[in-house]
Amino acid sequence: MSVTVGLKGRAETVVNDTNTAQAACSGALPVFGTPFMCALMEEAAWKSIAPHLEVGQSTVGTKLDITHDSATPVGMTVWAESEVTEVDGKRLVLKVTAYDEKGPIGQGIHERFIVTDERFLAKCTKKLEG
């Protein structure tokens, strides 16, 4: 399997008290929090890529350059869409856009890298050593 330009993904949730700016401590208002919009964009991206990887591989997010352009109130459905725009070896670039029921709420570029799970986790775990 392989990741190709044009591969698309989608992730969806409903804004509630647990994913507001207040809940993330990223703001004082009860609206969809930017950190949660970022997470939704990353979810759309990684879940669309995962089925196209070899067993024992994953992707990790390394860059997210986005704008959050419109607030969304509690109770409204939000979703993110991703599209692979560049494949450069293990480096993947995706266009990401978030929406609510009234239209676009955010957009940007997201970069991910394909990693070998075992090697990646071993390197990470070494941080715990002396």
Protein backbone atom coordinates (compact mmCIF):
# COMPACT_ATOMS: atom_id res chain seq x y z
CA MET A 1 0.00 0.00 0.00
CA SER A 2 1.05 3.61 -0.43
CA VAL A 3 -0.12 7.13 0.28
CA THR A 4 -0.93 9.19 -2.81
CA VAL A 5 -1.75 12.81 -3.57
CA GLY A 6 -5.51 13.35 -3.47
CA LEU A 7 -6.21 10.98 -0.56
CA LYS A 8 -9.02 12.52 1.52
CA GLY A 9 -10.20 12.15 5.10
CA ARG A 10 -12.93 13.41 7.43
CA ALA A 11 -13.55 13.52 11.18
CA GLU A 12 -16.61 14.86 12.99
CA THR A 13 -17.79 15.77 16.49
CA VAL A 14 -20.37 17.86 18.30
CA VAL A 15 -19.30 20.89 20.32
CA ASN A 16 -19.97 20.26 24.01
CA ASP A 17 -18.64 21.40 27.38
CA THR A 18 -15.56 19.15 27.06
CA ASN A 19 -14.20 20.64 23.81
CA THR A 20 -14.64 24.35 24.36
CA ALA A 21 -11.96 27.01 24.69
CA GLN A 22 -12.82 27.09 28.41
CA ALA A 23 -12.19 23.33 28.75
CA ALA A 24 -8.83 23.61 26.97
CA CYS A 25 -7.81 26.67 29.01
CA SER A 26 -7.18 28.39 25.67
CA GLY A 27 -9.81 31.05 26.26
CA ALA A 28 -12.65 32.13 28.51
CA LEU A 29 -15.62 31.59 26.22
CA PRO A 30 -17.84 28.50 25.79
CA VAL A 31 -17.12 28.03 22.05
CA PHE A 32 -15.31 25.28 20.11
CA GLY A 33 -11.70 25.49 21.23
CA THR A 34 -8.86 25.96 18.76
CA PRO A 35 -6.86 23.06 20.28
CA PHE A 36 -9.82 20.77 19.61
CA MET A 37 -10.14 22.04 16.05
CA CYS A 38 -6.45 21.22 15.56
CA ALA A 39 -7.01 17.73 16.97
CA LEU A 40 -10.00 17.21 14.66
CA MET A 41 -7.88 18.23 11.65
CA GLU A 42 -5.14 15.79 12.70
CA GLU A 43 -7.71 13.03 13.22
CA ALA A 44 -9.07 13.49 9.70
CA ALA A 45 -5.52 13.34 8.36
CA TRP A 46 -4.10 10.33 10.21
CA LYS A 47 -7.22 8.20 9.90
CA SER A 48 -7.29 8.71 6.12
CA ILE A 49 -3.64 7.72 5.78
CA ALA A 50 -3.52 4.77 8.21
CA PRO A 51 -5.18 2.18 5.91
CA HIS A 52 -2.55 2.90 3.24
CA LEU A 53 0.48 2.17 5.41
CA GLU A 54 2.37 -1.06 5.94
CA VAL A 55 1.77 -3.08 9.10
CA GLY A 56 3.88 -1.58 11.90
CA GLN A 57 3.81 1.93 10.46
CA SER A 58 1.98 5.05 11.64
CA THR A 59 2.15 8.75 10.99
CA VAL A 60 3.02 11.50 13.42
CA GLY A 61 2.09 15.14 13.10
CA THR A 62 5.06 17.49 12.93
CA LYS A 63 3.60 20.80 11.77
CA LEU A 64 0.22 22.50 11.77
CA ASP A 65 -0.16 26.00 10.34
CA ILE A 66 -3.82 26.98 10.61
CA THR A 67 -6.25 29.80 11.14
CA HIS A 68 -9.40 29.59 13.26
CA ASP A 69 -11.69 32.02 11.49
CA SER A 70 -15.16 31.58 12.99
CA ALA A 71 -16.52 30.62 16.42
CA THR A 72 -18.86 27.65 16.87
CA PRO A 73 -21.32 27.41 19.79
CA VAL A 74 -22.00 24.42 22.02
CA GLY A 75 -24.48 22.04 20.39
CA MET A 76 -23.37 22.49 16.80
CA THR A 77 -21.72 19.75 14.70
CA VAL A 78 -18.18 20.42 13.48
CA TRP A 79 -16.03 18.41 11.10
CA ALA A 80 -12.61 18.54 9.50
CA GLU A 81 -11.57 17.42 6.05
CA SER A 82 -8.05 16.65 4.90
CA GLU A 83 -6.45 16.08 1.52
CA VAL A 84 -2.93 14.91 0.79
CA THR A 85 -1.31 17.53 -1.45
CA GLU A 86 2.31 16.34 -1.41
CA VAL A 87 4.16 13.07 -0.82
CA ASP A 88 7.93 13.48 -0.40
CA GLY A 89 9.26 10.12 0.77
CA LYS A 90 8.05 9.75 4.36
CA ARG A 91 6.95 13.40 4.54
CA LEU A 92 3.29 14.08 3.82
CA VAL A 93 1.64 17.49 3.39
CA LEU A 94 -2.11 17.89 3.70
CA LYS A 95 -4.59 20.70 3.20
CA VAL A 96 -6.96 20.78 6.19
CA THR A 97 -10.26 22.61 6.53
CA ALA A 98 -12.74 22.68 9.42
CA TYR A 99 -16.45 23.42 9.12
CA ASP A 100 -19.54 23.85 11.22
CA GLU A 101 -23.13 23.73 10.05
CA LYS A 102 -22.87 27.32 8.76
CA GLY A 103 -19.67 26.96 6.73
CA PRO A 104 -15.86 26.98 7.01
CA ILE A 105 -14.41 27.82 10.44
CA GLY A 106 -10.69 27.17 9.90
CA GLN A 107 -8.08 26.09 7.39
CA GLY A 108 -4.43 25.46 6.88
CA ILE A 109 -1.59 23.09 6.10
CA HIS A 110 -0.63 20.00 8.10
CA GLU A 111 2.58 17.98 7.83
CA ARG A 112 2.96 14.36 8.94
CA PHE A 113 5.78 11.82 8.73
CA ILE A 114 5.51 8.08 8.25
CA VAL A 115 7.31 6.28 11.08
CA THR A 116 8.05 2.70 12.04
CA ASP A 117 6.10 2.22 15.29
CA GLU A 118 8.66 0.10 17.14
CA ARG A 119 11.63 2.31 16.28
CA PHE A 120 9.73 5.52 17.03
CA LEU A 121 8.53 4.31 20.43
CA ALA A 122 11.99 2.95 21.34
CA LYS A 123 13.55 6.35 20.63
CA CYS A 124 10.84 8.08 22.65
CA THR A 125 11.19 5.69 25.60
CA LYS A 126 14.96 6.37 25.77
CA LYS A 127 14.06 9.77 27.20
CA LEU A 128 13.10 7.99 30.43
CA GLU A 129 16.61 6.62 30.91
CA GLY A 130 19.00 8.27 33.40
